[in-house]
């Protein structure tokens, strides 16, 4: 694969990056709930940070593929941070689903 082919891959970042997702917003129904206004804010900020890290990791991966990088070690560290953050998110999701299922199994 030539450098021109790799450059063509990076020509349309909208097709492969998560940057087109935009910022996360609280659903309208959540604002109506009293007393729970700040409940989902840490989760939303963590998801926003993860999205930012993923976009930065994709940029680093493109730089590695194109050979436009100053520090390979820093790029690899950035990609590893993204991988670990995504694994953490999946674990939190799994635990939340388990807790929800346990609540649904309870008899009232």
Protein backbone atom coordinates (compact mmCIF):
# COMPACT_ATOMS: atom_id res chain seq x y z
CA UNK A 1 0.00 0.00 0.00
CA UNK A 2 1.44 3.35 -0.98
CA UNK A 3 1.51 6.59 0.98
CA UNK A 4 -0.98 8.10 -1.48
CA UNK A 5 -3.45 5.32 -0.65
CA UNK A 6 -3.00 5.99 3.06
CA UNK A 7 -3.45 9.71 2.50
CA UNK A 8 -6.69 9.00 0.64
CA UNK A 9 -7.94 7.12 3.69
CA UNK A 10 -7.41 10.20 5.81
CA UNK A 11 -9.06 12.48 3.25
CA UNK A 12 -12.59 11.92 4.55
CA UNK A 13 -12.47 11.81 8.35
CA UNK A 14 -16.27 12.07 8.54
CA UNK A 15 -16.64 8.52 7.25
CA UNK A 16 -14.58 6.82 9.93
CA UNK A 17 -14.30 9.09 12.93
CA UNK A 18 -16.59 9.64 15.85
CA UNK A 19 -16.12 13.39 15.67
CA UNK A 20 -19.32 13.68 13.64
CA UNK A 21 -21.33 12.48 16.65
CA UNK A 22 -21.23 15.90 18.22
CA UNK A 23 -21.69 16.71 21.84
CA UNK A 24 -23.83 14.62 24.10
CA UNK A 25 -26.96 16.18 25.48
CA UNK A 26 -29.31 15.26 28.28
CA UNK A 27 -32.60 13.90 26.92
CA UNK A 28 -35.57 16.21 27.40
CA UNK A 29 -37.36 13.78 29.71
CA UNK A 30 -34.41 13.75 32.09
CA UNK A 31 -34.69 17.48 32.75
CA UNK A 32 -38.26 17.00 33.95
CA UNK A 33 -37.19 14.64 36.76
CA UNK A 34 -36.90 16.57 40.05
CA UNK A 35 -34.01 15.80 42.34
CA UNK A 36 -32.08 13.91 39.67
CA UNK A 37 -30.73 16.84 37.72
CA UNK A 38 -27.08 16.12 38.51
CA UNK A 39 -27.38 12.34 38.52
CA UNK A 40 -26.27 11.72 34.95
CA UNK A 41 -23.82 14.61 34.67
CA UNK A 42 -20.69 12.59 35.66
CA UNK A 43 -21.62 9.89 33.14
CA UNK A 44 -22.20 12.43 30.38
CA UNK A 45 -18.91 14.19 31.09
CA UNK A 46 -17.08 10.84 31.07
CA UNK A 47 -18.67 9.94 27.73
CA UNK A 48 -17.73 13.32 26.29
CA UNK A 49 -14.13 12.86 27.47
CA UNK A 50 -14.05 9.34 26.00
CA UNK A 51 -15.29 10.69 22.67
CA UNK A 52 -12.55 13.34 22.72
CA UNK A 53 -9.94 10.68 23.54
CA UNK A 54 -11.17 8.43 20.72
CA UNK A 55 -10.93 11.25 18.20
CA UNK A 56 -7.40 12.07 19.42
CA UNK A 57 -6.47 8.38 19.22
CA UNK A 58 -7.75 8.14 15.66
CA UNK A 59 -5.73 11.22 14.74
CA UNK A 60 -2.63 9.64 16.30
CA UNK A 61 -3.27 6.41 14.41
CA UNK A 62 -3.55 8.34 11.15
CA UNK A 63 -0.29 10.13 11.92
CA UNK A 64 1.43 6.80 12.58
CA UNK A 65 0.09 5.37 9.31
CA UNK A 66 1.16 8.43 7.34
CA UNK A 67 4.51 8.77 9.10
CA UNK A 68 3.70 12.33 10.26
CA UNK A 69 4.60 12.02 13.91
CA UNK A 70 7.20 13.42 16.21
CA UNK A 71 6.99 10.91 19.03
CA UNK A 72 5.85 7.33 18.38
CA UNK A 73 5.84 6.56 22.10
CA UNK A 74 3.33 9.36 22.80
CA UNK A 75 1.02 8.13 20.02
CA UNK A 76 1.07 4.57 21.33
CA UNK A 77 0.40 5.83 24.87
CA UNK A 78 -2.57 7.85 23.59
CA UNK A 79 -4.03 4.82 21.79
CA UNK A 80 -3.56 2.66 24.89
CA UNK A 81 -5.35 5.28 27.00
CA UNK A 82 -8.27 5.15 24.58
CA UNK A 83 -8.35 1.35 24.74
CA UNK A 84 -8.37 1.34 28.54
CA UNK A 85 -11.05 4.05 28.70
CA UNK A 86 -13.26 2.08 26.35
CA UNK A 87 -12.78 -1.08 28.40
CA UNK A 88 -13.75 0.83 31.55
CA UNK A 89 -16.86 2.17 29.85
CA UNK A 90 -17.87 -1.35 28.80
CA UNK A 91 -17.35 -2.65 32.34
CA UNK A 92 -19.47 0.16 33.82
CA UNK A 93 -22.17 -0.56 31.24
CA UNK A 94 -22.08 -4.25 32.09
CA UNK A 95 -22.36 -3.57 35.83
CA UNK A 96 -25.24 -1.13 35.30
CA UNK A 97 -27.13 -3.67 33.21
CA UNK A 98 -26.55 -6.37 35.83
CA UNK A 99 -27.87 -4.06 38.54
CA UNK A 100 -30.93 -3.19 36.45
CA UNK A 101 -31.66 -6.86 35.77
CA UNK A 102 -31.31 -7.64 39.46
CA UNK A 103 -33.80 -4.89 40.30
CA UNK A 104 -36.24 -6.24 37.73
CA UNK A 105 -36.02 -9.71 39.30
CA UNK A 106 -36.98 -8.39 42.75
CA UNK A 107 -40.50 -9.05 43.89
CA UNK A 108 -42.43 -6.17 45.32
